């Protein structure tokens, strides 16, 4: 199972946990299983069709999935997936 790093704003959906262990062979499967295991998180990270929202950046280890195979990127039990909401603001 991959380790998923949860950003602070989403930890209320994971019982305050900063990291959760979620099964899945691809990023898409991990995100679907994350949403099933932690109700309420899906609308914050996924569109209605299950795809990852445009403003959510997802990394497998150090690589952003858009530079890999998107949500079809394969993951192993030793991988860490980081969910990074895009930041806005500034001057």
PDB file of N, CA and C in Angstrom:
ATOM      1  N   UNK A   1       0.829  -1.184   0.000  1.00  0.00           N
ATOM      2  CA  UNK A   1       0.000   0.000   0.000  1.00  0.00           C
ATOM      3  C   UNK A   1       0.874   1.249   0.000  1.00  0.00           C
ATOM      4  N   UNK A   2       0.467   2.215  -0.784  1.00  0.00           N
ATOM      5  CA  UNK A   2       1.210   3.467  -0.873  1.00  0.00           C
ATOM      6  C   UNK A   2       0.882   4.361   0.325  1.00  0.00           C
ATOM      7  N   UNK A   3       1.822   5.199   0.668  1.00  0.00           N
ATOM      8  CA  UNK A   3       1.604   6.197   1.709  1.00  0.00           C
ATOM      9  C   UNK A   3       1.152   7.477   1.021  1.00  0.00           C
ATOM     10  N   UNK A   4       0.048   8.040   1.484  1.00  0.00           N
ATOM     11  CA  UNK A   4      -0.473   9.276   0.920  1.00  0.00           C
ATOM     12  C   UNK A   4      -0.291  10.377   1.954  1.00  0.00           C
ATOM     13  N   UNK A   5       0.415  11.440   1.557  1.00  0.00           N
ATOM     14  CA  UNK A   5       0.619  12.597   2.426  1.00  0.00           C
ATOM     15  C   UNK A   5      -0.582  13.526   2.249  1.00  0.00           C
ATOM     16  N   UNK A   6      -1.209  13.856   3.357  1.00  0.00           N
ATOM     17  CA  UNK A   6      -2.419  14.672   3.347  1.00  0.00           C
ATOM     18  C   UNK A   6      -2.066  16.096   3.764  1.00  0.00           C
ATOM     19  N   UNK A   7      -2.421  17.101   2.947  1.00  0.00           N
ATOM     20  CA  UNK A   7      -2.133  18.485   3.337  1.00  0.00           C
ATOM     21  C   UNK A   7      -3.020  18.917   4.501  1.00  0.00           C
ATOM     22  N   UNK A   8      -2.556  19.871   5.258  1.00  0.00           N
ATOM     23  CA  UNK A   8      -3.268  20.344   6.460  1.00  0.00           C
ATOM     24  C   UNK A   8      -4.748  20.627   6.237  1.00  0.00           C
ATOM     25  N   UNK A   9      -5.148  21.331   5.166  1.00  0.00           N
ATOM     26  CA  UNK A   9      -6.576  21.635   5.001  1.00  0.00           C
ATOM     27  C   UNK A   9      -7.474  20.408   4.815  1.00  0.00           C
ATOM     28  N   UNK A  10      -6.893  19.271   4.443  1.00  0.00           N
ATOM     29  CA  UNK A  10      -7.696  18.064   4.211  1.00  0.00           C
ATOM     30  C   UNK A  10      -7.629  17.062   5.358  1.00  0.00           C
ATOM     31  N   UNK A  11      -6.847  17.355   6.365  1.00  0.00           N
ATOM     32  CA  UNK A  11      -6.667  16.387   7.460  1.00  0.00           C
ATOM     33  C   UNK A  11      -7.921  16.181   8.298  1.00  0.00           C
ATOM     34  N   UNK A  12      -8.857  17.113   8.241  1.00  0.00           N
ATOM     35  CA  UNK A  12     -10.098  16.905   8.995  1.00  0.00           C
ATOM     36  C   UNK A  12     -10.880  15.720   8.445  1.00  0.00           C
ATOM     37  N   UNK A  13     -10.595  15.330   7.201  1.00  0.00           N
ATOM     38  CA  UNK A  13     -11.270  14.178   6.592  1.00  0.00           C
ATOM     39  C   UNK A  13     -10.542  12.865   6.875  1.00  0.00           C
ATOM     40  N   UNK A  14      -9.324  12.952   7.393  1.00  0.00           N
ATOM     41  CA  UNK A  14      -8.549  11.749   7.707  1.00  0.00           C
ATOM     42  C   UNK A  14      -8.334  11.616   9.212  1.00  0.00           C
ATOM     43  N   UNK A  15      -9.181  12.238   9.995  1.00  0.00           N
ATOM     44  CA  UNK A  15      -9.055  12.153  11.450  1.00  0.00           C
ATOM     45  C   UNK A  15      -7.791  12.822  11.957  1.00  0.00           C
ATOM     46  N   UNK A  16      -7.304  13.823  11.227  1.00  0.00           N
ATOM     47  CA  UNK A  16      -6.113  14.544  11.649  1.00  0.00           C
ATOM     48  C   UNK A  16      -4.805  13.920  11.207  1.00  0.00           C
ATOM     49  N   UNK A  17      -4.881  12.804  10.516  1.00  0.00           N
ATOM     50  CA  UNK A  17      -3.658  12.113  10.096  1.00  0.00           C
ATOM     51  C   UNK A  17      -2.965  12.848   8.943  1.00  0.00           C
ATOM     52  N   UNK A  18      -1.656  13.009   9.039  1.00  0.00           N
ATOM     53  CA  UNK A  18      -0.867  13.638   7.990  1.00  0.00           C
ATOM     54  C   UNK A  18      -0.487  12.646   6.906  1.00  0.00           C
ATOM     55  N   UNK A  19      -0.469  11.362   7.242  1.00  0.00           N
ATOM     56  CA  UNK A  19      -0.157  10.291   6.286  1.00  0.00           C
ATOM     57  C   UNK A  19      -1.148   9.156   6.500  1.00  0.00           C
ATOM     58  N   UNK A  20      -1.621   8.607   5.392  1.00  0.00           N
ATOM     59  CA  UNK A  20      -2.488   7.434   5.453  1.00  0.00           C
ATOM     60  C   UNK A  20      -1.954   6.403   4.464  1.00  0.00           C
ATOM     61  N   UNK A  21      -2.188   5.153   4.735  1.00  0.00           N
ATOM     62  CA  UNK A  21      -1.760   4.066   3.858  1.00  0.00           C
ATOM     63  C   UNK A  21      -2.980   3.590   3.091  1.00  0.00           C
ATOM     64  N   UNK A  22      -2.875   3.636   1.760  1.00  0.00           N
ATOM     65  CA  UNK A  22      -4.016   3.344   0.897  1.00  0.00           C
ATOM     66  C   UNK A  22      -3.583   2.376  -0.204  1.00  0.00           C
ATOM     67  N   UNK A  23      -4.388   1.329  -0.485  1.00  0.00           N
ATOM     68  CA  UNK A  23      -4.038   0.396  -1.558  1.00  0.00           C
ATOM     69  C   UNK A  23      -4.378   0.966  -2.936  1.00  0.00           C
ATOM     70  N   UNK A  24      -3.700   0.440  -3.947  1.00  0.00           N
ATOM     71  CA  UNK A  24      -3.983   0.804  -5.326  1.00  0.00           C
ATOM     72  C   UNK A  24      -2.756   0.596  -6.186  1.00  0.00           C
ATOM     73  N   UNK A  25      -2.988   0.228  -7.437  1.00  0.00           N
ATOM     74  CA  UNK A  25      -1.884  -0.007  -8.369  1.00  0.00           C
ATOM     75  C   UNK A  25      -1.550   1.227  -9.188  1.00  0.00           C
ATOM     76  N   UNK A  26      -2.490   2.174  -9.250  1.00  0.00           N
ATOM     77  CA  UNK A  26      -2.274   3.431  -9.971  1.00  0.00           C
ATOM     78  C   UNK A  26      -2.695   4.589  -9.075  1.00  0.00           C
ATOM     79  N   UNK A  27      -2.305   5.790  -9.471  1.00  0.00           N
ATOM     80  CA  UNK A  27      -2.722   6.973  -8.709  1.00  0.00           C
ATOM     81  C   UNK A  27      -4.244   7.059  -8.679  1.00  0.00           C
ATOM     82  N   UNK A  28      -4.902   6.787  -9.796  1.00  0.00           N
ATOM     83  CA  UNK A  28      -6.367   6.837  -9.856  1.00  0.00           C
ATOM     84  C   UNK A  28      -6.991   5.878  -8.841  1.00  0.00           C
ATOM     85  N   UNK A  29      -6.476   4.660  -8.756  1.00  0.00           N
ATOM     86  CA  UNK A  29      -7.003   3.683  -7.800  1.00  0.00           C
ATOM     87  C   UNK A  29      -6.764   4.139  -6.368  1.00  0.00           C
ATOM     88  N   UNK A  30      -5.590   4.678  -6.104  1.00  0.00           N
ATOM     89  CA  UNK A  30      -5.289   5.161  -4.753  1.00  0.00           C
ATOM     90  C   UNK A  30      -6.237   6.288  -4.384  1.00  0.00           C
ATOM     91  N   UNK A  31      -6.483   7.230  -5.299  1.00  0.00           N
ATOM     92  CA  UNK A  31      -7.379   8.354  -5.008  1.00  0.00           C
ATOM     93  C   UNK A  31      -8.808   7.870  -4.780  1.00  0.00           C
ATOM     94  N   UNK A  32      -9.256   6.905  -5.583  1.00  0.00           N
ATOM     95  CA  UNK A  32     -10.596   6.337  -5.397  1.00  0.00           C
ATOM     96  C   UNK A  32     -10.695   5.643  -4.045  1.00  0.00           C
ATOM     97  N   UNK A  33      -9.670   4.873  -3.679  1.00  0.00           N
ATOM     98  CA  UNK A  33      -9.671   4.176  -2.394  1.00  0.00           C
ATOM     99  C   UNK A  33      -9.534   5.144  -1.225  1.00  0.00           C
ATOM    100  N   UNK A  34      -8.784   6.229  -1.426  1.00  0.00           N
ATOM    101  CA  UNK A  34      -8.678   7.270  -0.400  1.00  0.00           C
ATOM    102  C   UNK A  34     -10.050   7.882  -0.149  1.00  0.00           C
ATOM    103  N   UNK A  35     -10.767   8.196  -1.222  1.00  0.00           N
ATOM    104  CA  UNK A  35     -12.105   8.789  -1.093  1.00  0.00           C
ATOM    105  C   UNK A  35     -13.078   7.833  -0.403  1.00  0.00           C
ATOM    106  N   UNK A  36     -12.957   6.545  -0.689  1.00  0.00           N
ATOM    107  CA  UNK A  36     -13.836   5.559  -0.054  1.00  0.00           C
ATOM    108  C   UNK A  36     -13.517   5.397   1.431  1.00  0.00           C
ATOM    109  N   UNK A  37     -12.238   5.462   1.772  1.00  0.00           N
ATOM    110  CA  UNK A  37     -11.818   5.268   3.162  1.00  0.00           C
ATOM    111  C   UNK A  37     -12.047   6.507   4.027  1.00  0.00           C
ATOM    112  N   UNK A  38     -12.089   7.675   3.386  1.00  0.00           N
ATOM    113  CA  UNK A  38     -12.196   8.933   4.134  1.00  0.00           C
ATOM    114  C   UNK A  38     -13.279   9.812   3.511  1.00  0.00           C
ATOM    115  N   UNK A  39     -14.543   9.542   3.877  1.00  0.00           N
ATOM    116  CA  UNK A  39     -15.667  10.295   3.306  1.00  0.00           C
ATOM    117  C   UNK A  39     -15.478  11.806   3.482  1.00  0.00           C
ATOM    118  N   UNK A  40     -15.869  12.525   2.440  1.00  0.00           N
ATOM    119  CA  UNK A  40     -15.777  13.977   2.457  1.00  0.00           C
ATOM    120  C   UNK A  40     -14.566  14.518   1.732  1.00  0.00           C
ATOM    121  N   UNK A  41     -13.557  13.690   1.535  1.00  0.00           N
ATOM    122  CA  UNK A  41     -12.341  14.177   0.880  1.00  0.00           C
ATOM    123  C   UNK A  41     -12.495  14.228  -0.643  1.00  0.00           C
ATOM    124  N   UNK A  42     -13.311  13.352  -1.214  1.00  0.00           N
ATOM    125  CA  UNK A  42     -13.442  13.268  -2.676  1.00  0.00           C
ATOM    126  C   UNK A  42     -13.815  14.591  -3.333  1.00  0.00           C
ATOM    127  N   UNK A  43     -14.820  15.320  -2.865  1.00  0.00           N
ATOM    128  CA  UNK A  43     -15.177  16.565  -3.546  1.00  0.00           C
ATOM    129  C   UNK A  43     -14.066  17.618  -3.522  1.00  0.00           C
ATOM    130  N   UNK A  44     -13.120  17.456  -2.634  1.00  0.00           N
ATOM    131  CA  UNK A  44     -12.023  18.411  -2.544  1.00  0.00           C
ATOM    132  C   UNK A  44     -10.871  18.084  -3.495  1.00  0.00           C
ATOM    133  N   UNK A  45     -10.771  16.820  -3.919  1.00  0.00           N
ATOM    134  CA  UNK A  45      -9.644  16.433  -4.770  1.00  0.00           C
ATOM    135  C   UNK A  45     -10.055  15.851  -6.122  1.00  0.00           C
ATOM    136  N   UNK A  46     -11.325  15.439  -6.257  1.00  0.00           N
ATOM    137  CA  UNK A  46     -11.758  14.779  -7.489  1.00  0.00           C
ATOM    138  C   UNK A  46     -12.963  15.474  -8.101  1.00  0.00           C
ATOM    139  N   UNK A  47     -13.028  15.423  -9.438  1.00  0.00           N
ATOM    140  CA  UNK A  47     -14.214  15.862 -10.160  1.00  0.00           C
ATOM    141  C   UNK A  47     -15.279  14.776 -10.045  1.00  0.00           C
ATOM    142  N   UNK A  48     -16.478  15.071 -10.508  1.00  0.00           N
ATOM    143  CA  UNK A  48     -17.570  14.097 -10.441  1.00  0.00           C
ATOM    144  C   UNK A  48     -17.249  12.798 -11.173  1.00  0.00           C
ATOM    145  N   UNK A  49     -16.408  12.866 -12.204  1.00  0.00           N
ATOM    146  CA  UNK A  49     -16.061  11.659 -12.966  1.00  0.00           C
ATOM    147  C   UNK A  49     -14.896  10.883 -12.341  1.00  0.00           C
ATOM    148  N   UNK A  50     -14.396  11.353 -11.188  1.00  0.00           N
ATOM    149  CA  UNK A  50     -13.303  10.667 -10.497  1.00  0.00           C
ATOM    150  C   UNK A  50     -11.926  11.169 -10.868  1.00  0.00           C
ATOM    151  N   UNK A  51     -11.831  12.027 -11.871  1.00  0.00           N
ATOM    152  CA  UNK A  51     -10.526  12.572 -12.250  1.00  0.00           C
ATOM    153  C   UNK A  51     -10.057  13.583 -11.197  1.00  0.00           C
ATOM    154  N   UNK A  52      -8.771  13.790 -11.139  1.00  0.00           N
ATOM    155  CA  UNK A  52      -8.197  14.717 -10.160  1.00  0.00           C
ATOM    156  C   UNK A  52      -8.441  16.141 -10.629  1.00  0.00           C
ATOM    157  N   UNK A  53      -8.893  16.971  -9.699  1.00  0.00           N
ATOM    158  CA  UNK A  53      -9.187  18.362 -10.042  1.00  0.00           C
ATOM    159  C   UNK A  53      -7.951  19.066 -10.576  1.00  0.00           C
ATOM    160  N   UNK A  54      -8.182  19.999 -11.476  1.00  0.00           N
ATOM    161  CA  UNK A  54      -7.114  20.712 -12.179  1.00  0.00           C
ATOM    162  C   UNK A  54      -6.178  21.440 -11.227  1.00  0.00           C
ATOM    163  N   UNK A  55      -6.715  21.973 -10.131  1.00  0.00           N
ATOM    164  CA  UNK A  55      -5.895  22.763  -9.211  1.00  0.00           C
ATOM    165  C   UNK A  55      -5.250  21.934  -8.103  1.00  0.00           C
ATOM    166  N   UNK A  56      -5.364  20.630  -8.197  1.00  0.00           N
ATOM    167  CA  UNK A  56      -4.715  19.737  -7.244  1.00  0.00           C
ATOM    168  C   UNK A  56      -3.487  19.129  -7.927  1.00  0.00           C
ATOM    169  N   UNK A  57      -2.341  19.321  -7.335  1.00  0.00           N
ATOM    170  CA  UNK A  57      -1.114  18.719  -7.849  1.00  0.00           C
ATOM    171  C   UNK A  57      -0.837  17.446  -7.054  1.00  0.00           C
ATOM    172  N   UNK A  58      -0.502  16.396  -7.764  1.00  0.00           N
ATOM    173  CA  UNK A  58      -0.221  15.112  -7.124  1.00  0.00           C
ATOM    174  C   UNK A  58       1.177  14.669  -7.552  1.00  0.00           C
ATOM    175  N   UNK A  59       1.956  14.289  -6.567  1.00  0.00           N
ATOM    176  CA  UNK A  59       3.317  13.824  -6.808  1.00  0.00           C
ATOM    177  C   UNK A  59       3.441  12.378  -6.367  1.00  0.00           C
ATOM    178  N   UNK A  60       4.157  11.584  -7.145  1.00  0.00           N
ATOM    179  CA  UNK A  60       4.563  10.252  -6.721  1.00  0.00           C
ATOM    180  C   UNK A  60       6.051  10.376  -6.445  1.00  0.00           C
ATOM    181  N   UNK A  61       6.399  10.217  -5.199  1.00  0.00           N
ATOM    182  CA  UNK A  61       7.746  10.483  -4.728  1.00  0.00           C
ATOM    183  C   UNK A  61       8.061  11.949  -5.072  1.00  0.00           C
ATOM    184  N   UNK A  62       9.001  12.221  -5.927  1.00  0.00           N
ATOM    185  CA  UNK A  62       9.368  13.608  -6.253  1.00  0.00           C
ATOM    186  C   UNK A  62       8.832  14.073  -7.604  1.00  0.00           C
ATOM    187  N   UNK A  63       8.071  13.228  -8.301  1.00  0.00           N
ATOM    188  CA  UNK A  63       7.634  13.539  -9.663  1.00  0.00           C
ATOM    189  C   UNK A  63       6.150  13.874  -9.726  1.00  0.00           C
ATOM    190  N   UNK A  64       5.845  15.006 -10.362  1.00  0.00           N
ATOM    191  CA  UNK A  64       4.456  15.415 -10.551  1.00  0.00           C
ATOM    192  C   UNK A  64       3.833  14.487 -11.588  1.00  0.00           C
ATOM    193  N   UNK A  65       2.626  13.995 -11.324  1.00  0.00           N
ATOM    194  CA  UNK A  65       2.046  12.967 -12.193  1.00  0.00           C
ATOM    195  C   UNK A  65       1.745  13.465 -13.597  1.00  0.00           C
ATOM    196  N   UNK A  66       1.570  14.761 -13.788  1.00  0.00           N
ATOM    197  CA  UNK A  66       1.319  15.283 -15.138  1.00  0.00           C
ATOM    198  C   UNK A  66       2.546  15.093 -16.034  1.00  0.00           C
ATOM    199  N   UNK A  67       3.723  14.999 -15.419  1.00  0.00           N
ATOM    200  CA  UNK A  67       4.954  14.757 -16.174  1.00  0.00           C
ATOM    201  C   UNK A  67       5.174  13.255 -16.381  1.00  0.00           C
ATOM    202  N   UNK A  68       4.356  12.438 -15.749  1.00  0.00           N
ATOM    203  CA  UNK A  68       4.456  10.982 -15.881  1.00  0.00           C
ATOM    204  C   UNK A  68       3.289  10.502 -16.741  1.00  0.00           C
ATOM    205  N   UNK A  69       2.445   9.646 -16.203  1.00  0.00           N
ATOM    206  CA  UNK A  69       1.287   9.127 -16.940  1.00  0.00           C
ATOM    207  C   UNK A  69      -0.031   9.609 -16.352  1.00  0.00           C
ATOM    208  N   UNK A  70      -0.022  10.788 -15.753  1.00  0.00           N
ATOM    209  CA  UNK A  70      -1.243  11.307 -15.152  1.00  0.00           C
ATOM    210  C   UNK A  70      -1.731  10.391 -14.049  1.00  0.00           C
ATOM    211  N   UNK A  71      -3.056  10.287 -13.916  1.00  0.00           N
ATOM    212  CA  UNK A  71      -3.573   9.439 -12.838  1.00  0.00           C
ATOM    213  C   UNK A  71      -3.439   7.945 -13.146  1.00  0.00           C
ATOM    214  N   UNK A  72      -2.942   7.611 -14.351  1.00  0.00           N
ATOM    215  CA  UNK A  72      -2.639   6.218 -14.688  1.00  0.00           C
ATOM    216  C   UNK A  72      -1.224   5.825 -14.249  1.00  0.00           C
ATOM    217  N   UNK A  73      -0.507   6.760 -13.631  1.00  0.00           N
ATOM    218  CA  UNK A  73       0.840   6.479 -13.134  1.00  0.00           C
ATOM    219  C   UNK A  73       0.783   5.321 -12.141  1.00  0.00           C
ATOM    220  N   UNK A  74       1.627   4.328 -12.352  1.00  0.00           N
ATOM    221  CA  UNK A  74       1.643   3.176 -11.450  1.00  0.00           C
ATOM    222  C   UNK A  74       2.350   3.526 -10.147  1.00  0.00           C
ATOM    223  N   UNK A  75       1.904   2.887  -9.087  1.00  0.00           N
ATOM    224  CA  UNK A  75       2.515   3.078  -7.774  1.00  0.00           C
ATOM    225  C   UNK A  75       2.806   1.723  -7.146  1.00  0.00           C
ATOM    226  N   UNK A  76       3.812   1.707  -6.286  1.00  0.00           N
ATOM    227  CA  UNK A  76       4.161   0.480  -5.573  1.00  0.00           C
ATOM    228  C   UNK A  76       3.983   0.721  -4.082  1.00  0.00           C
ATOM    229  N   UNK A  77       4.169  -0.325  -3.324  1.00  0.00           N
ATOM    230  CA  UNK A  77       4.007  -0.241  -1.869  1.00  0.00           C
ATOM    231  C   UNK A  77       5.030   0.674  -1.209  1.00  0.00           C
ATOM    232  N   UNK A  78       6.110   0.973  -1.885  1.00  0.00           N
ATOM    233  CA  UNK A  78       7.142   1.818  -1.296  1.00  0.00           C
ATOM    234  C   UNK A  78       7.025   3.280  -1.733  1.00  0.00           C
ATOM    235  N   UNK A  79       6.041   3.591  -2.572  1.00  0.00           N
ATOM    236  CA  UNK A  79       5.885   4.959  -3.061  1.00  0.00           C
ATOM    237  C   UNK A  79       5.136   5.838  -2.067  1.00  0.00           C
ATOM    238  N   UNK A  80       5.470   7.134  -2.119  1.00  0.00           N
ATOM    239  CA  UNK A  80       4.757   8.146  -1.356  1.00  0.00           C
ATOM    240  C   UNK A  80       4.060   9.058  -2.336  1.00  0.00           C
ATOM    241  N   UNK A  81       2.775   9.264  -2.113  1.00  0.00           N
ATOM    242  CA  UNK A  81       1.978  10.151  -2.953  1.00  0.00           C
ATOM    243  C   UNK A  81       1.672  11.394  -2.126  1.00  0.00           C
ATOM    244  N   UNK A  82       1.959  12.553  -2.699  1.00  0.00           N
ATOM    245  CA  UNK A  82       1.693  13.819  -2.016  1.00  0.00           C
ATOM    246  C   UNK A  82       0.601  14.570  -2.757  1.00  0.00           C
ATOM    247  N   UNK A  83      -0.394  15.034  -2.011  1.00  0.00           N
ATOM    248  CA  UNK A  83      -1.467  15.850  -2.561  1.00  0.00           C
ATOM    249  C   UNK A  83      -1.146  17.292  -2.187  1.00  0.00           C
ATOM    250  N   UNK A  84      -1.008  18.143  -3.208  1.00  0.00           N
ATOM    251  CA  UNK A  84      -0.634  19.529  -2.976  1.00  0.00           C
ATOM    252  C   UNK A  84      -1.668  20.442  -3.635  1.00  0.00           C
ATOM    253  N   UNK A  85      -2.553  21.069  -2.844  1.00  0.00           N
ATOM    254  CA  UNK A  85      -3.485  22.021  -3.447  1.00  0.00           C
ATOM    255  C   UNK A  85      -2.714  23.238  -3.966  1.00  0.00           C
ATOM    256  N   UNK A  86      -3.124  23.738  -5.135  1.00  0.00           N
ATOM    257  CA  UNK A  86      -2.484  24.922  -5.702  1.00  0.00           C
ATOM    258  C   UNK A  86      -2.771  26.123  -4.812  1.00  0.00           C
ATOM    259  N   UNK A  87      -1.795  26.979  -4.705  1.00  0.00           N
ATOM    260  CA  UNK A  87      -1.935  28.196  -3.906  1.00  0.00           C
ATOM    261  C   UNK A  87      -2.245  29.351  -4.846  1.00  0.00           C
ATOM    262  N   UNK A  88      -3.036  30.272  -4.369  1.00  0.00           N
ATOM    263  CA  UNK A  88      -3.361  31.465  -5.151  1.00  0.00           C
ATOM    264  C   UNK A  88      -3.150  32.697  -4.280  1.00  0.00           C
ATOM    265  N   UNK A  89      -3.064  33.806  -4.946  1.00  0.00           N
ATOM    266  CA  UNK A  89      -2.929  35.055  -4.207  1.00  0.00           C
ATOM    267  C   UNK A  89      -1.652  35.773  -4.568  1.00  0.00           C
ATOM    268  N   UNK A  90      -1.346  36.754  -3.793  1.00  0.00           N
ATOM    269  CA  UNK A  90      -0.146  37.541  -4.059  1.00  0.00           C
ATOM    270  C   UNK A  90      -0.503  38.848  -4.717  1.00  0.00           C
ATOM    271  N   UNK A  91       0.501  39.504  -5.226  1.00  0.00           N
ATOM    272  CA  UNK A  91       0.280  40.823  -5.854  1.00  0.00           C
ATOM    273  C   UNK A  91       0.270  40.717  -7.342  1.00  0.00           C
TER     274      UNK A  91
END
